[in-house]
PDB file of N, CA and C in Angstrom:
ATOM      1  N   MET A   1      -1.605  57.948 -11.022  1.00  0.00           N
ATOM      2  CA  MET A   1      -2.110  56.612 -11.299  1.00  0.00           C
ATOM      3  C   MET A   1      -2.248  55.856  -9.985  1.00  0.00           C
ATOM      4  N   ASN A   2      -3.275  55.002  -9.913  1.00  0.00           N
ATOM      5  CA  ASN A   2      -3.540  54.255  -8.692  1.00  0.00           C
ATOM      6  C   ASN A   2      -2.669  53.011  -8.565  1.00  0.00           C
ATOM      7  N   GLY A   3      -1.851  52.718  -9.571  1.00  0.00           N
ATOM      8  CA  GLY A   3      -0.967  51.569  -9.521  1.00  0.00           C
ATOM      9  C   GLY A   3      -1.603  50.280  -9.985  1.00  0.00           C
ATOM     10  N   ARG A   4      -2.864  50.324 -10.390  1.00  0.00           N
ATOM     11  CA  ARG A   4      -3.545  49.114 -10.847  1.00  0.00           C
ATOM     12  C   ARG A   4      -3.899  49.266 -12.317  1.00  0.00           C
ATOM     13  N   PRO A   5      -3.254  48.473 -13.158  1.00  0.00           N
ATOM     14  CA  PRO A   5      -3.544  48.559 -14.593  1.00  0.00           C
ATOM     15  C   PRO A   5      -4.814  47.779 -14.947  1.00  0.00           C
ATOM     16  N   CYS A   6      -5.319  48.043 -16.105  1.00  0.00           N
ATOM     17  CA  CYS A   6      -6.442  47.301 -16.674  1.00  0.00           C
ATOM     18  C   CYS A   6      -6.057  45.823 -16.765  1.00  0.00           C
ATOM     19  N   SER A   7      -7.015  44.933 -16.523  1.00  0.00           N
ATOM     20  CA  SER A   7      -6.769  43.488 -16.568  1.00  0.00           C
ATOM     21  C   SER A   7      -6.626  42.937 -17.984  1.00  0.00           C
ATOM     22  N   LYS A   8      -7.027  43.705 -18.987  1.00  0.00           N
ATOM     23  CA  LYS A   8      -6.886  43.239 -20.362  1.00  0.00           C
ATOM     24  C   LYS A   8      -5.397  43.104 -20.682  1.00  0.00           C
ATOM     25  N   VAL A   9      -5.015  41.995 -21.260  1.00  0.00           N
ATOM     26  CA  VAL A   9      -3.608  41.621 -21.421  1.00  0.00           C
ATOM     27  C   VAL A   9      -2.753  42.691 -22.092  1.00  0.00           C
ATOM     28  N   THR A  10      -3.218  43.269 -23.162  1.00  0.00           N
ATOM     29  CA  THR A  10      -2.386  44.218 -23.898  1.00  0.00           C
ATOM     30  C   THR A  10      -2.634  45.674 -23.518  1.00  0.00           C
ATOM     31  N   CYS A  11      -3.459  45.916 -22.522  1.00  0.00           N
ATOM     32  CA  CYS A  11      -3.801  47.288 -22.127  1.00  0.00           C
ATOM     33  C   CYS A  11      -2.965  47.698 -20.921  1.00  0.00           C
ATOM     34  N   HIS A  12      -2.428  48.902 -20.974  1.00  0.00           N
ATOM     35  CA  HIS A  12      -1.616  49.410 -19.870  1.00  0.00           C
ATOM     36  C   HIS A  12      -2.249  50.650 -19.252  1.00  0.00           C
ATOM     37  N   ASP A  13      -3.529  50.900 -19.565  1.00  0.00           N
ATOM     38  CA  ASP A  13      -4.215  52.065 -19.013  1.00  0.00           C
ATOM     39  C   ASP A  13      -4.575  51.822 -17.549  1.00  0.00           C
ATOM     40  N   GLU A  14      -4.820  52.898 -16.835  1.00  0.00           N
ATOM     41  CA  GLU A  14      -5.176  52.839 -15.419  1.00  0.00           C
ATOM     42  C   GLU A  14      -6.575  52.253 -15.234  1.00  0.00           C
ATOM     43  N   ALA A  15      -6.719  51.344 -14.284  1.00  0.00           N
ATOM     44  CA  ALA A  15      -8.024  50.753 -13.979  1.00  0.00           C
ATOM     45  C   ALA A  15      -8.893  51.765 -13.238  1.00  0.00           C
ATOM     46  N   VAL A  16     -10.181  51.828 -13.615  1.00  0.00           N
ATOM     47  CA  VAL A  16     -11.124  52.725 -12.956  1.00  0.00           C
ATOM     48  C   VAL A  16     -12.369  51.994 -12.472  1.00  0.00           C
ATOM     49  N   SER A  17     -12.554  50.737 -12.892  1.00  0.00           N
ATOM     50  CA  SER A  17     -13.730  49.948 -12.533  1.00  0.00           C
ATOM     51  C   SER A  17     -13.314  48.518 -12.219  1.00  0.00           C
ATOM     52  N   THR A  18     -14.150  47.839 -11.443  1.00  0.00           N
ATOM     53  CA  THR A  18     -13.939  46.423 -11.186  1.00  0.00           C
ATOM     54  C   THR A  18     -15.154  45.655 -11.687  1.00  0.00           C
ATOM     55  N   LEU A  19     -14.895  44.619 -12.458  1.00  0.00           N
ATOM     56  CA  LEU A  19     -15.941  43.764 -13.016  1.00  0.00           C
ATOM     57  C   LEU A  19     -15.956  42.454 -12.240  1.00  0.00           C
ATOM     58  N   THR A  20     -17.156  41.994 -11.907  1.00  0.00           N
ATOM     59  CA  THR A  20     -17.314  40.678 -11.280  1.00  0.00           C
ATOM     60  C   THR A  20     -18.453  39.944 -11.973  1.00  0.00           C
ATOM     61  N   TYR A  21     -18.364  38.636 -11.983  1.00  0.00           N
ATOM     62  CA  TYR A  21     -19.399  37.791 -12.566  1.00  0.00           C
ATOM     63  C   TYR A  21     -20.244  37.194 -11.451  1.00  0.00           C
ATOM     64  N   VAL A  22     -21.555  37.202 -11.641  1.00  0.00           N
ATOM     65  CA  VAL A  22     -22.483  36.532 -10.729  1.00  0.00           C
ATOM     66  C   VAL A  22     -23.094  35.397 -11.550  1.00  0.00           C
ATOM     67  N   TYR A  23     -22.427  34.256 -11.536  1.00  0.00           N
ATOM     68  CA  TYR A  23     -22.818  33.139 -12.393  1.00  0.00           C
ATOM     69  C   TYR A  23     -24.227  32.644 -12.099  1.00  0.00           C
ATOM     70  N   ALA A  24     -24.617  32.601 -10.839  1.00  0.00           N
ATOM     71  CA  ALA A  24     -25.934  32.081 -10.468  1.00  0.00           C
ATOM     72  C   ALA A  24     -27.063  32.902 -11.074  1.00  0.00           C
ATOM     73  N   ASP A  25     -26.813  34.203 -11.304  1.00  0.00           N
ATOM     74  CA  ASP A  25     -27.837  35.091 -11.859  1.00  0.00           C
ATOM     75  C   ASP A  25     -27.559  35.482 -13.303  1.00  0.00           C
ATOM     76  N   SER A  26     -26.548  34.882 -13.934  1.00  0.00           N
ATOM     77  CA  SER A  26     -26.154  35.239 -15.299  1.00  0.00           C
ATOM     78  C   SER A  26     -26.012  36.756 -15.438  1.00  0.00           C
ATOM     79  N   MET A  27     -25.192  37.328 -14.554  1.00  0.00           N
ATOM     80  CA  MET A  27     -25.058  38.777 -14.494  1.00  0.00           C
ATOM     81  C   MET A  27     -23.590  39.171 -14.379  1.00  0.00           C
ATOM     82  N   VAL A  28     -23.269  40.289 -15.013  1.00  0.00           N
ATOM     83  CA  VAL A  28     -21.954  40.905 -14.893  1.00  0.00           C
ATOM     84  C   VAL A  28     -22.170  42.230 -14.173  1.00  0.00           C
ATOM     85  N   VAL A  29     -21.398  42.461 -13.117  1.00  0.00           N
ATOM     86  CA  VAL A  29     -21.513  43.705 -12.355  1.00  0.00           C
ATOM     87  C   VAL A  29     -20.255  44.520 -12.589  1.00  0.00           C
ATOM     88  N   VAL A  30     -20.439  45.764 -13.035  1.00  0.00           N
ATOM     89  CA  VAL A  30     -19.325  46.694 -13.243  1.00  0.00           C
ATOM     90  C   VAL A  30     -19.541  47.859 -12.293  1.00  0.00           C
ATOM     91  N   GLY A  31     -18.606  48.030 -11.382  1.00  0.00           N
ATOM     92  CA  GLY A  31     -18.733  49.098 -10.400  1.00  0.00           C
ATOM     93  C   GLY A  31     -17.454  49.880 -10.276  1.00  0.00           C
ATOM     94  N   PRO A  32     -17.426  50.775  -9.312  1.00  0.00           N
ATOM     95  CA  PRO A  32     -16.205  51.542  -9.076  1.00  0.00           C
ATOM     96  C   PRO A  32     -15.049  50.608  -8.744  1.00  0.00           C
ATOM     97  N   LEU A  33     -13.851  51.072  -8.941  1.00  0.00           N
ATOM     98  CA  LEU A  33     -12.664  50.280  -8.639  1.00  0.00           C
ATOM     99  C   LEU A  33     -12.711  49.853  -7.175  1.00  0.00           C
ATOM    100  N   SER A  34     -12.574  48.578  -6.925  1.00  0.00           N
ATOM    101  CA  SER A  34     -12.622  48.075  -5.556  1.00  0.00           C
ATOM    102  C   SER A  34     -11.433  48.603  -4.768  1.00  0.00           C
ATOM    103  N   GLY A  35     -11.587  48.662  -3.465  1.00  0.00           N
ATOM    104  CA  GLY A  35     -10.540  49.188  -2.601  1.00  0.00           C
ATOM    105  C   GLY A  35      -9.302  48.320  -2.553  1.00  0.00           C
ATOM    106  N   ARG A  36      -9.456  47.061  -2.896  1.00  0.00           N
ATOM    107  CA  ARG A  36      -8.315  46.139  -2.927  1.00  0.00           C
ATOM    108  C   ARG A  36      -8.498  45.199  -4.117  1.00  0.00           C
ATOM    109  N   VAL A  37      -7.433  44.533  -4.491  1.00  0.00           N
ATOM    110  CA  VAL A  37      -7.499  43.589  -5.602  1.00  0.00           C
ATOM    111  C   VAL A  37      -8.336  42.393  -5.153  1.00  0.00           C
ATOM    112  N   GLU A  38      -9.374  42.093  -5.909  1.00  0.00           N
ATOM    113  CA  GLU A  38     -10.266  40.984  -5.595  1.00  0.00           C
ATOM    114  C   GLU A  38      -9.860  39.777  -6.431  1.00  0.00           C
ATOM    115  N   PRO A  39      -9.774  38.580  -5.835  1.00  0.00           N
ATOM    116  CA  PRO A  39      -9.320  37.403  -6.580  1.00  0.00           C
ATOM    117  C   PRO A  39     -10.246  37.000  -7.727  1.00  0.00           C
ATOM    118  N   HIS A  40     -11.524  37.329  -7.624  1.00  0.00           N
ATOM    119  CA  HIS A  40     -12.467  36.947  -8.680  1.00  0.00           C
ATOM    120  C   HIS A  40     -12.994  38.165  -9.432  1.00  0.00           C
ATOM    121  N   GLY A  41     -12.302  39.274  -9.318  1.00  0.00           N
ATOM    122  CA  GLY A  41     -12.690  40.491 -10.007  1.00  0.00           C
ATOM    123  C   GLY A  41     -11.675  40.841 -11.076  1.00  0.00           C
ATOM    124  N   TYR A  42     -12.083  41.682 -11.998  1.00  0.00           N
ATOM    125  CA  TYR A  42     -11.214  42.125 -13.084  1.00  0.00           C
ATOM    126  C   TYR A  42     -11.243  43.647 -13.104  1.00  0.00           C
ATOM    127  N   ASP A  43     -10.095  44.257 -12.923  1.00  0.00           N
ATOM    128  CA  ASP A  43      -9.995  45.708 -12.963  1.00  0.00           C
ATOM    129  C   ASP A  43      -9.913  46.154 -14.419  1.00  0.00           C
ATOM    130  N   LEU A  44     -10.711  47.141 -14.776  1.00  0.00           N
ATOM    131  CA  LEU A  44     -10.784  47.592 -16.164  1.00  0.00           C
ATOM    132  C   LEU A  44     -10.588  49.100 -16.267  1.00  0.00           C
ATOM    133  N   CYS A  45      -9.966  49.523 -17.370  1.00  0.00           N
ATOM    134  CA  CYS A  45      -9.862  50.945 -17.681  1.00  0.00           C
ATOM    135  C   CYS A  45     -11.229  51.426 -18.164  1.00  0.00           C
ATOM    136  N   ALA A  46     -11.388  52.722 -18.306  1.00  0.00           N
ATOM    137  CA  ALA A  46     -12.673  53.288 -18.730  1.00  0.00           C
ATOM    138  C   ALA A  46     -13.097  52.759 -20.098  1.00  0.00           C
ATOM    139  N   ARG A  47     -12.156  52.635 -21.017  1.00  0.00           N
ATOM    140  CA  ARG A  47     -12.482  52.169 -22.372  1.00  0.00           C
ATOM    141  C   ARG A  47     -13.011  50.740 -22.355  1.00  0.00           C
ATOM    142  N   HIS A  48     -12.337  49.841 -21.657  1.00  0.00           N
ATOM    143  CA  HIS A  48     -12.770  48.452 -21.628  1.00  0.00           C
ATOM    144  C   HIS A  48     -14.034  48.256 -20.785  1.00  0.00           C
ATOM    145  N   ALA A  49     -14.210  49.048 -19.751  1.00  0.00           N
ATOM    146  CA  ALA A  49     -15.434  48.961 -18.944  1.00  0.00           C
ATOM    147  C   ALA A  49     -16.653  49.375 -19.768  1.00  0.00           C
ATOM    148  N   ALA A  50     -16.469  50.360 -20.639  1.00  0.00           N
ATOM    149  CA  ALA A  50     -17.585  50.858 -21.448  1.00  0.00           C
ATOM    150  C   ALA A  50     -17.898  49.954 -22.632  1.00  0.00           C
ATOM    151  N   SER A  51     -16.913  49.187 -23.096  1.00  0.00           N
ATOM    152  CA  SER A  51     -17.114  48.425 -24.328  1.00  0.00           C
ATOM    153  C   SER A  51     -17.149  46.915 -24.115  1.00  0.00           C
ATOM    154  N   LEU A  52     -17.365  46.479 -22.891  1.00  0.00           N
ATOM    155  CA  LEU A  52     -17.323  45.038 -22.640  1.00  0.00           C
ATOM    156  C   LEU A  52     -18.501  44.323 -23.293  1.00  0.00           C
ATOM    157  N   SER A  53     -18.281  43.074 -23.629  1.00  0.00           N
ATOM    158  CA  SER A  53     -19.362  42.238 -24.150  1.00  0.00           C
ATOM    159  C   SER A  53     -19.532  41.065 -23.194  1.00  0.00           C
ATOM    160  N   VAL A  54     -20.772  40.606 -23.060  1.00  0.00           N
ATOM    161  CA  VAL A  54     -21.093  39.536 -22.125  1.00  0.00           C
ATOM    162  C   VAL A  54     -21.751  38.388 -22.880  1.00  0.00           C
ATOM    163  N   PRO A  55     -21.766  37.216 -22.286  1.00  0.00           N
ATOM    164  CA  PRO A  55     -22.414  36.085 -22.962  1.00  0.00           C
ATOM    165  C   PRO A  55     -23.881  36.381 -23.271  1.00  0.00           C
ATOM    166  N   GLN A  56     -24.359  35.801 -24.344  1.00  0.00           N
ATOM    167  CA  GLN A  56     -25.756  35.994 -24.745  1.00  0.00           C
ATOM    168  C   GLN A  56     -26.680  35.555 -23.613  1.00  0.00           C
ATOM    169  N   GLY A  57     -27.672  36.380 -23.319  1.00  0.00           N
ATOM    170  CA  GLY A  57     -28.630  36.085 -22.264  1.00  0.00           C
ATOM    171  C   GLY A  57     -28.223  36.619 -20.892  1.00  0.00           C
ATOM    172  N   TRP A  58     -27.011  37.136 -20.773  1.00  0.00           N
ATOM    173  CA  TRP A  58     -26.551  37.691 -19.511  1.00  0.00           C
ATOM    174  C   TRP A  58     -26.934  39.163 -19.416  1.00  0.00           C
ATOM    175  N   GLN A  59     -27.060  39.658 -18.209  1.00  0.00           N
ATOM    176  CA  GLN A  59     -27.370  41.063 -17.963  1.00  0.00           C
ATOM    177  C   GLN A  59     -26.128  41.765 -17.433  1.00  0.00           C
ATOM    178  N   VAL A  60     -26.051  43.062 -17.688  1.00  0.00           N
ATOM    179  CA  VAL A  60     -24.966  43.881 -17.161  1.00  0.00           C
ATOM    180  C   VAL A  60     -25.573  44.880 -16.179  1.00  0.00           C
ATOM    181  N   LEU A  61     -25.058  44.882 -14.974  1.00  0.00           N
ATOM    182  CA  LEU A  61     -25.464  45.852 -13.961  1.00  0.00           C
ATOM    183  C   LEU A  61     -24.295  46.800 -13.762  1.00  0.00           C
ATOM    184  N   ARG A  62     -24.532  48.076 -14.027  1.00  0.00           N
ATOM    185  CA  ARG A  62     -23.481  49.079 -13.859  1.00  0.00           C
ATOM    186  C   ARG A  62     -23.797  49.904 -12.620  1.00  0.00           C
ATOM    187  N   GLN A  63     -22.906  49.863 -11.660  1.00  0.00           N
ATOM    188  CA  GLN A  63     -23.058  50.644 -10.441  1.00  0.00           C
ATOM    189  C   GLN A  63     -22.293  51.938 -10.608  1.00  0.00           C
ATOM    190  N   VAL A  64     -22.968  53.041 -10.383  1.00  0.00           N
ATOM    191  CA  VAL A  64     -22.360  54.355 -10.554  1.00  0.00           C
ATOM    192  C   VAL A  64     -22.336  55.047  -9.195  1.00  0.00           C
ATOM    193  N   VAL A  65     -21.204  55.639  -8.878  1.00  0.00           N
ATOM    194  CA  VAL A  65     -21.093  56.419  -7.647  1.00  0.00           C
ATOM    195  C   VAL A  65     -21.370  57.870  -7.991  1.00  0.00           C
ATOM    196  N   LEU A  66     -22.364  58.437  -7.340  1.00  0.00           N
ATOM    197  CA  LEU A  66     -22.706  59.833  -7.571  1.00  0.00           C
ATOM    198  C   LEU A  66     -21.896  60.709  -6.634  1.00  0.00           C
ATOM    199  N   GLY A  67     -21.465  61.833  -7.138  1.00  0.00           N
ATOM    200  CA  GLY A  67     -20.713  62.765  -6.303  1.00  0.00           C
ATOM    201  C   GLY A  67     -21.614  63.412  -5.259  1.00  0.00           C
ATOM    202  N   HIS A  68     -21.040  63.806  -4.158  1.00  0.00           N
ATOM    203  CA  HIS A  68     -21.782  64.457  -3.091  1.00  0.00           C
ATOM    204  C   HIS A  68     -21.338  65.914  -2.997  1.00  0.00           C
ATOM    205  N   ASP A  69     -22.290  66.819  -2.888  1.00  0.00           N
ATOM    206  CA  ASP A  69     -21.973  68.224  -2.691  1.00  0.00           C
ATOM    207  C   ASP A  69     -21.781  68.481  -1.199  1.00  0.00           C
ATOM    208  N   HIS A  70     -20.682  69.066  -0.826  1.00  0.00           N
ATOM    209  CA  HIS A  70     -20.418  69.355   0.593  1.00  0.00           C
ATOM    210  C   HIS A  70     -20.414  70.831   0.828  1.00  0.00           C
TER     211      HIS A  70
END
């Protein structure tokens, strides 16, 4: 475990994504877990990252990290 739990109050699963709000663009960005705890970000487990709901009229941008073949 990375030591960072999901931000949802009753969830104790490991965080795998960080969610941030871009209020000016009415957008929610869900990306890989940030390297450090961000004051305006929310760390989410896989279940909560996949099932989040956003305000009506807002867009969700999901950033995916693709694996690299070495």
